[in-house]
Amino acid sequence: MPRFDVYAHPDAGLRKHTPYLVDIQNNYISTIGTRAVLPMRAASAFSLRMRDLNPVFNVGGKDVVLDTAAIGAIPVAELKKPVMSLKAQSATTVAALDTLFESY
């Protein structure tokens, strides 16, 4: 499971406000049964966005906000086929994680 791949949220009931999850886990940690993910919330449902902590991405033609502070883990089996990769924008995601854990 490549880091920065984006997946549809496995819970259909939550997809309206949190349509996607992005895998942020190091590719070398692959033997455990979970992956670290960040939720991607519908931009229209996200208030009080912090510039560096909550960057906006376009996924499937929709603007979504990376909710970095809501970091979590999900079983690998629940992550199906990726809808896209954010590898080309990985610096933005890493900067958001740095904002959460290191900067300021």
N, C-alpha and C. Protein backbone atom coordinates (compact mmCIF):
# COMPACT_ATOMS: atom_id res chain seq x y z
N MET A 1 0.86 -1.18 0.00
CA MET A 1 0.00 0.00 0.00
C MET A 1 0.90 1.24 0.00
N PRO A 2 0.98 1.91 -1.08
CA PRO A 2 1.86 3.07 -1.17
C PRO A 2 1.39 4.25 -0.31
N ARG A 3 2.37 4.86 0.34
CA ARG A 3 2.12 6.07 1.11
C ARG A 3 1.56 7.14 0.16
N PHE A 4 0.64 7.91 0.65
CA PHE A 4 -0.04 9.01 -0.04
C PHE A 4 -1.11 8.55 -1.02
N ASP A 5 -1.45 7.27 -1.02
CA ASP A 5 -2.61 6.83 -1.80
C ASP A 5 -3.88 7.27 -1.09
N VAL A 6 -4.88 7.63 -1.88
CA VAL A 6 -6.17 8.10 -1.36
C VAL A 6 -7.21 7.02 -1.61
N TYR A 7 -8.02 6.76 -0.58
CA TYR A 7 -9.05 5.72 -0.64
C TYR A 7 -10.41 6.31 -0.30
N ALA A 8 -11.46 5.77 -0.90
CA ALA A 8 -12.81 6.13 -0.49
C ALA A 8 -12.99 5.67 0.95
N HIS A 9 -13.65 6.48 1.75
CA HIS A 9 -13.90 6.10 3.14
C HIS A 9 -14.69 4.79 3.14
N PRO A 10 -14.26 3.80 3.92
CA PRO A 10 -14.94 2.51 3.89
C PRO A 10 -16.35 2.53 4.50
N ASP A 11 -16.66 3.53 5.29
CA ASP A 11 -17.99 3.63 5.92
C ASP A 11 -18.87 4.54 5.07
N ALA A 12 -19.79 3.95 4.34
CA ALA A 12 -20.65 4.72 3.43
C ALA A 12 -21.42 5.81 4.16
N GLY A 13 -21.76 5.58 5.40
CA GLY A 13 -22.49 6.58 6.17
C GLY A 13 -21.67 7.81 6.50
N LEU A 14 -20.37 7.70 6.48
CA LEU A 14 -19.49 8.84 6.79
C LEU A 14 -18.97 9.55 5.54
N ARG A 15 -19.19 8.97 4.38
CA ARG A 15 -18.63 9.52 3.13
C ARG A 15 -19.16 10.90 2.76
N LYS A 16 -20.34 11.27 3.22
CA LYS A 16 -20.88 12.58 2.86
C LYS A 16 -19.96 13.70 3.34
N HIS A 17 -19.50 13.59 4.57
CA HIS A 17 -18.63 14.63 5.14
C HIS A 17 -17.15 14.28 5.09
N THR A 18 -16.84 12.98 5.04
CA THR A 18 -15.46 12.52 4.98
C THR A 18 -15.35 11.50 3.85
N PRO A 19 -15.29 11.99 2.62
CA PRO A 19 -15.33 11.06 1.50
C PRO A 19 -14.07 10.22 1.31
N TYR A 20 -12.93 10.70 1.82
CA TYR A 20 -11.67 10.01 1.54
C TYR A 20 -10.77 9.92 2.76
N LEU A 21 -9.84 8.97 2.69
CA LEU A 21 -8.75 8.83 3.65
C LEU A 21 -7.46 8.76 2.85
N VAL A 22 -6.42 9.42 3.34
CA VAL A 22 -5.11 9.33 2.67
C VAL A 22 -4.16 8.56 3.59
N ASP A 23 -3.49 7.58 3.01
CA ASP A 23 -2.53 6.75 3.72
C ASP A 23 -1.24 7.55 3.91
N ILE A 24 -0.81 7.71 5.16
CA ILE A 24 0.41 8.47 5.42
C ILE A 24 1.52 7.62 6.03
N GLN A 25 1.28 6.33 6.14
CA GLN A 25 2.23 5.45 6.82
C GLN A 25 3.44 5.15 5.94
N ASN A 26 4.59 5.06 6.59
CA ASN A 26 5.82 4.71 5.92
C ASN A 26 5.65 3.38 5.18
N ASN A 27 6.13 3.32 3.96
CA ASN A 27 5.98 2.11 3.15
C ASN A 27 6.71 0.90 3.72
N TYR A 28 7.71 1.12 4.56
CA TYR A 28 8.49 0.01 5.12
C TYR A 28 7.78 -0.68 6.28
N ILE A 29 6.76 -0.04 6.82
CA ILE A 29 6.00 -0.65 7.92
C ILE A 29 4.76 -1.27 7.29
N SER A 30 4.91 -2.49 6.83
CA SER A 30 3.82 -3.12 6.09
C SER A 30 3.34 -4.42 6.70
N THR A 31 3.95 -4.87 7.78
CA THR A 31 3.58 -6.16 8.34
C THR A 31 2.51 -6.06 9.42
N ILE A 32 2.21 -4.86 9.88
CA ILE A 32 1.13 -4.72 10.87
C ILE A 32 -0.20 -4.63 10.13
N GLY A 33 -1.27 -4.89 10.80
CA GLY A 33 -2.58 -4.98 10.15
C GLY A 33 -3.33 -3.68 9.99
N THR A 34 -2.66 -2.56 10.27
CA THR A 34 -3.32 -1.26 10.15
C THR A 34 -2.45 -0.30 9.34
N ARG A 35 -3.08 0.78 8.89
CA ARG A 35 -2.37 1.86 8.21
C ARG A 35 -2.77 3.17 8.87
N ALA A 36 -1.79 4.05 9.04
CA ALA A 36 -2.06 5.39 9.56
C ALA A 36 -2.67 6.22 8.43
N VAL A 37 -3.76 6.90 8.73
CA VAL A 37 -4.47 7.67 7.70
C VAL A 37 -4.87 9.04 8.24
N LEU A 38 -5.11 9.94 7.31
CA LEU A 38 -5.69 11.24 7.62
C LEU A 38 -7.01 11.34 6.88
N PRO A 39 -8.06 11.79 7.57
CA PRO A 39 -9.33 11.98 6.88
C PRO A 39 -9.29 13.20 5.98
N MET A 40 -10.00 13.10 4.88
CA MET A 40 -10.15 14.22 3.94
C MET A 40 -11.63 14.58 3.95
N ARG A 41 -11.92 15.76 4.50
CA ARG A 41 -13.30 16.20 4.70
C ARG A 41 -13.78 17.04 3.51
N ALA A 42 -15.07 16.99 3.26
CA ALA A 42 -15.66 17.85 2.23
C ALA A 42 -15.39 19.30 2.61
N ALA A 43 -14.84 20.08 1.69
CA ALA A 43 -14.50 21.47 1.98
C ALA A 43 -15.72 22.26 2.45
N SER A 44 -16.88 21.95 1.90
CA SER A 44 -18.10 22.66 2.26
C SER A 44 -18.53 22.38 3.70
N ALA A 45 -18.05 21.30 4.28
CA ALA A 45 -18.44 20.92 5.64
C ALA A 45 -17.34 21.22 6.66
N PHE A 46 -16.24 21.81 6.22
CA PHE A 46 -15.09 22.04 7.10
C PHE A 46 -15.01 23.51 7.44
N SER A 47 -15.04 23.81 8.72
CA SER A 47 -14.94 25.21 9.13
C SER A 47 -13.61 25.44 9.86
N LEU A 48 -13.21 26.67 9.93
CA LEU A 48 -11.99 27.08 10.63
C LEU A 48 -10.74 26.34 10.16
N ARG A 49 -10.55 26.36 8.86
CA ARG A 49 -9.37 25.72 8.28
C ARG A 49 -8.12 26.54 8.60
N MET A 50 -7.09 25.84 9.08
CA MET A 50 -5.78 26.46 9.32
C MET A 50 -4.90 26.17 8.11
N ARG A 51 -4.35 27.20 7.52
CA ARG A 51 -3.64 27.10 6.24
C ARG A 51 -2.65 25.94 6.17
N ASP A 52 -1.70 25.87 7.09
CA ASP A 52 -0.65 24.84 7.01
C ASP A 52 -1.11 23.49 7.52
N LEU A 53 -2.04 23.49 8.46
CA LEU A 53 -2.51 22.24 9.06
C LEU A 53 -3.56 21.55 8.20
N ASN A 54 -4.33 22.32 7.45
CA ASN A 54 -5.47 21.79 6.70
C ASN A 54 -5.44 22.20 5.23
N PRO A 55 -4.48 21.68 4.47
CA PRO A 55 -4.44 22.03 3.05
C PRO A 55 -5.64 21.47 2.29
N VAL A 56 -5.93 22.09 1.18
CA VAL A 56 -7.04 21.67 0.32
C VAL A 56 -6.47 20.93 -0.88
N PHE A 57 -7.10 19.80 -1.21
CA PHE A 57 -6.75 19.01 -2.39
C PHE A 57 -8.00 18.81 -3.22
N ASN A 58 -7.80 18.54 -4.50
CA ASN A 58 -8.92 18.19 -5.36
C ASN A 58 -8.85 16.69 -5.64
N VAL A 59 -9.90 16.00 -5.21
CA VAL A 59 -9.97 14.55 -5.40
C VAL A 59 -11.29 14.24 -6.09
N GLY A 60 -11.23 13.62 -7.22
CA GLY A 60 -12.44 13.26 -7.94
C GLY A 60 -13.28 14.47 -8.34
N GLY A 61 -12.61 15.59 -8.58
CA GLY A 61 -13.32 16.81 -8.98
C GLY A 61 -13.93 17.58 -7.82
N LYS A 62 -13.66 17.16 -6.59
CA LYS A 62 -14.21 17.84 -5.41
C LYS A 62 -13.07 18.34 -4.53
N ASP A 63 -13.24 19.55 -3.99
CA ASP A 63 -12.27 20.05 -3.03
C ASP A 63 -12.50 19.40 -1.68
N VAL A 64 -11.42 18.87 -1.12
CA VAL A 64 -11.46 18.24 0.20
C VAL A 64 -10.34 18.83 1.05
N VAL A 65 -10.58 18.88 2.35
CA VAL A 65 -9.63 19.45 3.29
C VAL A 65 -8.98 18.32 4.09
N LEU A 66 -7.68 18.35 4.18
CA LEU A 66 -6.95 17.37 4.96
C LEU A 66 -7.11 17.72 6.44
N ASP A 67 -7.74 16.84 7.20
CA ASP A 67 -7.96 17.07 8.63
C ASP A 67 -6.84 16.40 9.41
N THR A 68 -5.68 17.03 9.39
CA THR A 68 -4.45 16.45 9.92
C THR A 68 -4.56 16.11 11.40
N ALA A 69 -5.22 16.95 12.17
CA ALA A 69 -5.32 16.72 13.61
C ALA A 69 -6.18 15.50 13.95
N ALA A 70 -6.92 14.98 12.99
CA ALA A 70 -7.78 13.81 13.22
C ALA A 70 -7.10 12.52 12.76
N ILE A 71 -5.78 12.50 12.83
CA ILE A 71 -4.99 11.32 12.43
C ILE A 71 -5.52 10.07 13.12
N GLY A 72 -5.51 8.96 12.39
CA GLY A 72 -6.00 7.72 12.96
C GLY A 72 -5.40 6.52 12.25
N ALA A 73 -5.90 5.37 12.60
CA ALA A 73 -5.46 4.13 11.97
C ALA A 73 -6.68 3.34 11.56
N ILE A 74 -6.53 2.57 10.50
CA ILE A 74 -7.63 1.78 9.98
C ILE A 74 -7.09 0.41 9.55
N PRO A 75 -7.87 -0.64 9.72
CA PRO A 75 -7.39 -1.95 9.26
C PRO A 75 -7.11 -1.94 7.76
N VAL A 76 -6.02 -2.57 7.38
CA VAL A 76 -5.63 -2.65 5.97
C VAL A 76 -6.76 -3.22 5.12
N ALA A 77 -7.46 -4.21 5.65
CA ALA A 77 -8.53 -4.87 4.89
C ALA A 77 -9.65 -3.91 4.48
N GLU A 78 -9.79 -2.79 5.18
CA GLU A 78 -10.85 -1.83 4.85
C GLU A 78 -10.46 -0.85 3.76
N LEU A 79 -9.21 -0.79 3.43
CA LEU A 79 -8.74 0.09 2.37
C LEU A 79 -8.73 -0.70 1.07
N LYS A 80 -9.64 -0.38 0.21
CA LYS A 80 -9.76 -1.13 -1.06
C LYS A 80 -8.89 -0.50 -2.13
N LYS A 81 -9.38 -0.35 -3.30
CA LYS A 81 -8.63 0.19 -4.43
C LYS A 81 -8.44 1.71 -4.27
N PRO A 82 -7.21 2.21 -4.39
CA PRO A 82 -7.00 3.65 -4.28
C PRO A 82 -7.67 4.40 -5.43
N VAL A 83 -8.18 5.59 -5.13
CA VAL A 83 -8.82 6.40 -6.17
C VAL A 83 -7.81 7.32 -6.85
N MET A 84 -6.71 7.61 -6.15
CA MET A 84 -5.63 8.43 -6.72
C MET A 84 -4.45 8.43 -5.76
N SER A 85 -3.39 9.05 -6.15
CA SER A 85 -2.22 9.21 -5.31
C SER A 85 -1.93 10.70 -5.12
N LEU A 86 -1.53 11.06 -3.92
CA LEU A 86 -1.09 12.44 -3.65
C LEU A 86 0.43 12.51 -3.55
N LYS A 87 1.11 11.52 -4.11
CA LYS A 87 2.57 11.50 -4.02
C LYS A 87 3.19 12.77 -4.60
N ALA A 88 2.64 13.27 -5.68
CA ALA A 88 3.18 14.49 -6.28
C ALA A 88 3.02 15.71 -5.37
N GLN A 89 2.05 15.63 -4.45
CA GLN A 89 1.82 16.71 -3.49
C GLN A 89 2.26 16.30 -2.09
N SER A 90 3.15 15.32 -2.00
CA SER A 90 3.55 14.79 -0.69
C SER A 90 4.15 15.86 0.22
N ALA A 91 4.84 16.83 -0.34
CA ALA A 91 5.44 17.88 0.48
C ALA A 91 4.37 18.65 1.26
N THR A 92 3.22 18.83 0.66
CA THR A 92 2.12 19.54 1.34
C THR A 92 1.60 18.72 2.51
N THR A 93 1.44 17.42 2.30
CA THR A 93 0.96 16.55 3.37
C THR A 93 1.99 16.45 4.50
N VAL A 94 3.26 16.32 4.16
CA VAL A 94 4.31 16.25 5.17
C VAL A 94 4.39 17.57 5.94
N ALA A 95 4.22 18.68 5.25
CA ALA A 95 4.23 19.98 5.94
C ALA A 95 3.07 20.09 6.93
N ALA A 96 1.92 19.54 6.57
CA ALA A 96 0.79 19.53 7.50
C ALA A 96 1.10 18.68 8.73
N LEU A 97 1.73 17.54 8.53
CA LEU A 97 2.14 16.70 9.66
C LEU A 97 3.20 17.40 10.51
N ASP A 98 4.12 18.09 9.86
CA ASP A 98 5.13 18.85 10.60
C ASP A 98 4.47 19.95 11.44
N THR A 99 3.45 20.58 10.89
CA THR A 99 2.73 21.59 11.64
C THR A 99 2.09 20.98 12.88
N LEU A 100 1.53 19.81 12.74
CA LEU A 100 0.88 19.13 13.87
C LEU A 100 1.89 18.72 14.94
N PHE A 101 3.03 18.18 14.53
CA PHE A 101 3.95 17.57 15.48
C PHE A 101 5.19 18.39 15.82
N GLU A 102 5.60 19.31 14.94
CA GLU A 102 6.91 19.92 15.15
C GLU A 102 6.95 21.44 15.15
N SER A 103 6.27 22.09 14.25
CA SER A 103 6.51 23.52 14.06
C SER A 103 5.73 24.39 15.03
N TYR A 104 6.02 25.65 14.95
CA TYR A 104 5.41 26.71 15.76
C TYR A 104 5.90 26.56 17.14
